[in-house]
Amino acid sequence: MKTILLPLALMILMSGTAHADYRRYCDSVSTNAESFAEERKKGRTKKQVQEDARLVAQQRELDPSVLEAWYAEIEWVFSGAQKRYGPVASRQRRFDECLANEGK
């Protein structure tokens, strides 16, 4: 019986760790959405925000996948459905949406 419990306990522990990692990922995604929504609120266009993101990624020599992720968040923030939300509401909305997609 103990040999069954140990793997089960490890699976439970690992699934908790995976969930915590995913929550951190969603927090990061939603923080980016909030930042990009701040820029939108200041009157910056989607193209301007994308260009700023590209320059930051280039200066920091970030992996191209980071820039792609930023572009996806910029698209999300500037989409018609999201434009009516301010930065804080955008952050919460994006976090909730991200968590809802866990495991999909």
N, C-alpha and C. Protein backbone atom coordinates (compact mmCIF):
# COMPACT_ATOMS: atom_id res chain seq x y z
N MET A 1 0.82 -1.18 0.00
CA MET A 1 0.00 0.00 0.00
C MET A 1 0.87 1.25 0.00
N LYS A 2 1.98 1.25 0.73
CA LYS A 2 2.85 2.42 0.78
C LYS A 2 3.45 2.74 -0.58
N THR A 3 3.72 1.72 -1.37
CA THR A 3 4.30 1.98 -2.69
C THR A 3 3.30 2.68 -3.60
N ILE A 4 2.01 2.48 -3.38
CA ILE A 4 1.00 3.17 -4.18
C ILE A 4 0.83 4.60 -3.68
N LEU A 5 0.88 4.81 -2.38
CA LEU A 5 0.68 6.14 -1.83
C LEU A 5 1.79 7.10 -2.21
N LEU A 6 3.03 6.64 -2.23
CA LEU A 6 4.13 7.54 -2.56
C LEU A 6 3.99 8.11 -3.96
N PRO A 7 3.79 7.29 -5.00
CA PRO A 7 3.60 7.87 -6.33
C PRO A 7 2.37 8.78 -6.40
N LEU A 8 1.31 8.41 -5.72
CA LEU A 8 0.11 9.24 -5.71
C LEU A 8 0.41 10.58 -5.06
N ALA A 9 1.14 10.56 -3.95
CA ALA A 9 1.50 11.80 -3.28
C ALA A 9 2.39 12.65 -4.18
N LEU A 10 3.31 12.02 -4.88
CA LEU A 10 4.16 12.76 -5.81
C LEU A 10 3.35 13.37 -6.95
N MET A 11 2.38 12.63 -7.46
CA MET A 11 1.53 13.16 -8.53
C MET A 11 0.74 14.36 -8.04
N ILE A 12 0.21 14.29 -6.84
CA ILE A 12 -0.54 15.40 -6.27
C ILE A 12 0.38 16.60 -6.07
N LEU A 13 1.56 16.35 -5.54
CA LEU A 13 2.52 17.43 -5.33
C LEU A 13 2.92 18.06 -6.65
N MET A 14 3.19 17.23 -7.65
CA MET A 14 3.59 17.73 -8.96
C MET A 14 2.46 18.52 -9.61
N SER A 15 1.23 18.07 -9.47
CA SER A 15 0.13 18.80 -10.08
C SER A 15 -0.05 20.15 -9.40
N GLY A 16 0.20 20.21 -8.10
CA GLY A 16 0.15 21.48 -7.38
C GLY A 16 1.24 22.42 -7.84
N THR A 17 2.42 21.87 -8.09
CA THR A 17 3.53 22.66 -8.60
C THR A 17 3.22 23.17 -10.00
N ALA A 18 2.66 22.31 -10.82
CA ALA A 18 2.31 22.72 -12.19
C ALA A 18 1.26 23.84 -12.15
N HIS A 19 0.30 23.70 -11.25
CA HIS A 19 -0.73 24.75 -11.13
C HIS A 19 -0.11 26.06 -10.67
N ALA A 20 0.80 25.99 -9.71
CA ALA A 20 1.47 27.20 -9.22
C ALA A 20 2.29 27.84 -10.33
N ASP A 21 2.97 27.02 -11.12
CA ASP A 21 3.73 27.54 -12.26
C ASP A 21 2.80 28.22 -13.26
N TYR A 22 1.67 27.60 -13.51
CA TYR A 22 0.72 28.18 -14.46
C TYR A 22 0.15 29.49 -13.93
N ARG A 23 -0.11 29.57 -12.63
CA ARG A 23 -0.59 30.83 -12.03
C ARG A 23 0.46 31.92 -12.18
N ARG A 24 1.73 31.57 -12.02
CA ARG A 24 2.81 32.56 -12.21
C ARG A 24 2.85 33.01 -13.66
N TYR A 25 2.67 32.06 -14.58
CA TYR A 25 2.62 32.40 -16.00
C TYR A 25 1.46 33.38 -16.26
N CYS A 26 0.28 33.07 -15.71
CA CYS A 26 -0.89 33.93 -15.91
C CYS A 26 -0.67 35.30 -15.28
N ASP A 27 0.02 35.34 -14.15
CA ASP A 27 0.32 36.63 -13.53
C ASP A 27 1.23 37.46 -14.43
N SER A 28 2.20 36.81 -15.03
CA SER A 28 3.11 37.50 -15.94
C SER A 28 2.35 38.02 -17.17
N VAL A 29 1.51 37.18 -17.74
CA VAL A 29 0.73 37.56 -18.91
C VAL A 29 -0.17 38.75 -18.58
N SER A 30 -0.83 38.69 -17.43
CA SER A 30 -1.75 39.75 -17.06
C SER A 30 -1.02 41.05 -16.71
N THR A 31 0.18 40.94 -16.16
CA THR A 31 0.99 42.13 -15.88
C THR A 31 1.36 42.82 -17.19
N ASN A 32 1.73 42.03 -18.18
CA ASN A 32 2.04 42.60 -19.49
C ASN A 32 0.81 43.27 -20.09
N ALA A 33 -0.33 42.63 -19.97
CA ALA A 33 -1.57 43.21 -20.50
C ALA A 33 -1.85 44.55 -19.83
N GLU A 34 -1.64 44.61 -18.53
CA GLU A 34 -1.86 45.87 -17.81
C GLU A 34 -0.91 46.96 -18.31
N SER A 35 0.35 46.62 -18.51
CA SER A 35 1.33 47.60 -19.01
C SER A 35 0.96 48.10 -20.39
N PHE A 36 0.56 47.19 -21.26
CA PHE A 36 0.19 47.59 -22.61
C PHE A 36 -1.10 48.41 -22.60
N ALA A 37 -2.01 48.10 -21.68
CA ALA A 37 -3.25 48.88 -21.55
C ALA A 37 -2.94 50.29 -21.04
N GLU A 38 -1.92 50.41 -20.19
CA GLU A 38 -1.48 51.74 -19.74
C GLU A 38 -1.01 52.57 -20.93
N GLU A 39 -0.25 51.94 -21.81
CA GLU A 39 0.23 52.64 -23.00
C GLU A 39 -0.94 53.04 -23.90
N ARG A 40 -1.91 52.15 -24.05
CA ARG A 40 -3.10 52.47 -24.84
C ARG A 40 -3.85 53.65 -24.22
N LYS A 41 -3.94 53.65 -22.90
CA LYS A 41 -4.63 54.73 -22.18
C LYS A 41 -3.93 56.08 -22.41
N LYS A 42 -2.61 56.04 -22.56
CA LYS A 42 -1.83 57.26 -22.82
C LYS A 42 -2.00 57.76 -24.25
N GLY A 43 -2.71 56.98 -25.07
CA GLY A 43 -2.96 57.40 -26.44
C GLY A 43 -2.03 56.79 -27.48
N ARG A 44 -1.20 55.87 -27.05
CA ARG A 44 -0.28 55.22 -27.99
C ARG A 44 -1.07 54.25 -28.86
N THR A 45 -0.66 54.13 -30.10
CA THR A 45 -1.31 53.21 -31.03
C THR A 45 -0.73 51.82 -30.87
N LYS A 46 -1.43 50.84 -31.42
CA LYS A 46 -0.95 49.47 -31.38
C LYS A 46 0.42 49.37 -32.05
N LYS A 47 0.58 50.02 -33.17
CA LYS A 47 1.87 49.97 -33.89
C LYS A 47 3.00 50.58 -33.05
N GLN A 48 2.71 51.67 -32.34
CA GLN A 48 3.73 52.29 -31.49
C GLN A 48 4.12 51.36 -30.34
N VAL A 49 3.15 50.74 -29.73
CA VAL A 49 3.43 49.82 -28.62
C VAL A 49 4.22 48.61 -29.13
N GLN A 50 3.85 48.10 -30.29
CA GLN A 50 4.59 46.97 -30.87
C GLN A 50 6.04 47.36 -31.17
N GLU A 51 6.23 48.55 -31.70
CA GLU A 51 7.59 49.01 -32.01
C GLU A 51 8.41 49.16 -30.73
N ASP A 52 7.81 49.72 -29.69
CA ASP A 52 8.51 49.85 -28.40
C ASP A 52 8.89 48.47 -27.87
N ALA A 53 7.98 47.52 -27.97
CA ALA A 53 8.26 46.16 -27.50
C ALA A 53 9.40 45.54 -28.30
N ARG A 54 9.39 45.76 -29.59
CA ARG A 54 10.45 45.23 -30.45
C ARG A 54 11.81 45.80 -30.05
N LEU A 55 11.84 47.11 -29.80
CA LEU A 55 13.10 47.76 -29.41
C LEU A 55 13.60 47.24 -28.06
N VAL A 56 12.70 47.07 -27.11
CA VAL A 56 13.10 46.55 -25.80
C VAL A 56 13.64 45.14 -25.94
N ALA A 57 12.96 44.32 -26.72
CA ALA A 57 13.41 42.93 -26.92
C ALA A 57 14.78 42.91 -27.60
N GLN A 58 14.96 43.80 -28.54
CA GLN A 58 16.24 43.87 -29.25
C GLN A 58 17.36 44.34 -28.31
N GLN A 59 17.09 45.39 -27.53
CA GLN A 59 18.10 45.91 -26.61
C GLN A 59 18.49 44.89 -25.55
N ARG A 60 17.53 44.13 -25.08
CA ARG A 60 17.78 43.13 -24.04
C ARG A 60 18.21 41.79 -24.60
N GLU A 61 18.25 41.70 -25.93
CA GLU A 61 18.62 40.47 -26.63
C GLU A 61 17.78 39.29 -26.15
N LEU A 62 16.47 39.53 -26.10
CA LEU A 62 15.54 38.50 -25.64
C LEU A 62 15.26 37.49 -26.74
N ASP A 63 14.87 36.32 -26.32
CA ASP A 63 14.48 35.27 -27.24
C ASP A 63 13.28 35.75 -28.07
N PRO A 64 13.25 35.44 -29.36
CA PRO A 64 12.14 35.88 -30.21
C PRO A 64 10.76 35.44 -29.70
N SER A 65 10.71 34.34 -28.95
CA SER A 65 9.42 33.88 -28.42
C SER A 65 8.84 34.88 -27.41
N VAL A 66 9.70 35.61 -26.72
CA VAL A 66 9.24 36.63 -25.77
C VAL A 66 8.52 37.74 -26.53
N LEU A 67 9.13 38.19 -27.61
CA LEU A 67 8.51 39.24 -28.42
C LEU A 67 7.19 38.76 -29.01
N GLU A 68 7.14 37.53 -29.45
CA GLU A 68 5.89 36.98 -29.98
C GLU A 68 4.80 36.97 -28.90
N ALA A 69 5.18 36.62 -27.68
CA ALA A 69 4.21 36.62 -26.57
C ALA A 69 3.75 38.04 -26.28
N TRP A 70 4.66 38.99 -26.32
CA TRP A 70 4.29 40.39 -26.11
C TRP A 70 3.32 40.86 -27.20
N TYR A 71 3.62 40.51 -28.44
CA TYR A 71 2.74 40.89 -29.55
C TYR A 71 1.33 40.31 -29.35
N ALA A 72 1.25 39.09 -28.85
CA ALA A 72 -0.06 38.47 -28.60
C ALA A 72 -0.82 39.27 -27.54
N GLU A 73 -0.13 39.70 -26.50
CA GLU A 73 -0.78 40.51 -25.46
C GLU A 73 -1.19 41.88 -25.98
N ILE A 74 -0.36 42.46 -26.82
CA ILE A 74 -0.69 43.75 -27.43
C ILE A 74 -1.95 43.60 -28.28
N GLU A 75 -2.01 42.53 -29.07
CA GLU A 75 -3.21 42.26 -29.87
C GLU A 75 -4.43 42.13 -28.97
N TRP A 76 -4.28 41.41 -27.88
CA TRP A 76 -5.39 41.21 -26.96
C TRP A 76 -5.87 42.55 -26.39
N VAL A 77 -4.92 43.39 -25.95
CA VAL A 77 -5.26 44.68 -25.34
C VAL A 77 -5.94 45.62 -26.34
N PHE A 78 -5.51 45.56 -27.59
CA PHE A 78 -6.05 46.47 -28.59
C PHE A 78 -7.24 45.89 -29.36
N SER A 79 -7.66 44.68 -29.00
CA SER A 79 -8.82 44.11 -29.67
C SER A 79 -10.07 44.88 -29.25
N GLY A 80 -11.05 44.89 -30.11
CA GLY A 80 -12.27 45.66 -29.87
C GLY A 80 -12.92 45.37 -28.54
N ALA A 81 -12.98 44.11 -28.17
CA ALA A 81 -13.67 43.72 -26.93
C ALA A 81 -12.95 44.24 -25.69
N GLN A 82 -11.65 44.42 -25.76
CA GLN A 82 -10.86 44.81 -24.58
C GLN A 82 -10.70 46.32 -24.44
N LYS A 83 -10.96 47.07 -25.50
CA LYS A 83 -10.68 48.51 -25.48
C LYS A 83 -11.46 49.27 -24.41
N ARG A 84 -12.57 48.74 -24.00
CA ARG A 84 -13.37 49.47 -23.00
C ARG A 84 -12.86 49.29 -21.57
N TYR A 85 -11.87 48.42 -21.37
CA TYR A 85 -11.35 48.17 -20.03
C TYR A 85 -10.07 48.96 -19.78
N GLY A 86 -9.97 49.52 -18.58
CA GLY A 86 -8.75 50.22 -18.19
C GLY A 86 -7.66 49.22 -17.85
N PRO A 87 -6.49 49.73 -17.48
CA PRO A 87 -5.35 48.85 -17.19
C PRO A 87 -5.61 47.83 -16.09
N VAL A 88 -6.18 48.24 -14.97
CA VAL A 88 -6.38 47.31 -13.85
C VAL A 88 -7.43 46.26 -14.22
N ALA A 89 -8.52 46.70 -14.84
CA ALA A 89 -9.56 45.75 -15.26
C ALA A 89 -9.01 44.81 -16.33
N SER A 90 -8.17 45.32 -17.21
CA SER A 90 -7.56 44.48 -18.25
C SER A 90 -6.70 43.40 -17.62
N ARG A 91 -5.95 43.80 -16.59
CA ARG A 91 -5.09 42.82 -15.90
C ARG A 91 -5.93 41.69 -15.31
N GLN A 92 -6.98 42.05 -14.57
CA GLN A 92 -7.81 41.03 -13.93
C GLN A 92 -8.52 40.16 -14.95
N ARG A 93 -9.03 40.79 -15.98
CA ARG A 93 -9.74 40.06 -17.04
C ARG A 93 -8.80 39.06 -17.74
N ARG A 94 -7.59 39.52 -18.03
CA ARG A 94 -6.61 38.66 -18.71
C ARG A 94 -6.17 37.52 -17.80
N PHE A 95 -5.99 37.81 -16.51
CA PHE A 95 -5.61 36.77 -15.54
C PHE A 95 -6.69 35.70 -15.47
N ASP A 96 -7.94 36.14 -15.35
CA ASP A 96 -9.06 35.19 -15.27
C ASP A 96 -9.17 34.35 -16.53
N GLU A 97 -9.00 35.00 -17.67
CA GLU A 97 -9.07 34.29 -18.96
C GLU A 97 -7.94 33.27 -19.08
N CYS A 98 -6.76 33.65 -18.65
CA CYS A 98 -5.61 32.76 -18.70
C CYS A 98 -5.84 31.54 -17.81
N LEU A 99 -6.29 31.77 -16.57
CA LEU A 99 -6.54 30.65 -15.67
C LEU A 99 -7.62 29.72 -16.21
N ALA A 100 -8.62 30.28 -16.87
CA ALA A 100 -9.70 29.48 -17.43
C ALA A 100 -9.19 28.56 -18.54
N ASN A 101 -8.05 28.92 -19.15
CA ASN A 101 -7.48 28.12 -20.24
C ASN A 101 -6.46 27.09 -19.77
N GLU A 102 -6.26 26.99 -18.46
CA GLU A 102 -5.28 26.04 -17.94
C GLU A 102 -5.69 24.62 -18.34
N GLY A 103 -4.72 23.90 -18.87
CA GLY A 103 -4.94 22.51 -19.24
C GLY A 103 -5.61 22.33 -20.60
N LYS A 104 -5.87 23.40 -21.28
CA LYS A 104 -6.51 23.28 -22.61
C LYS A 104 -5.47 23.32 -23.70
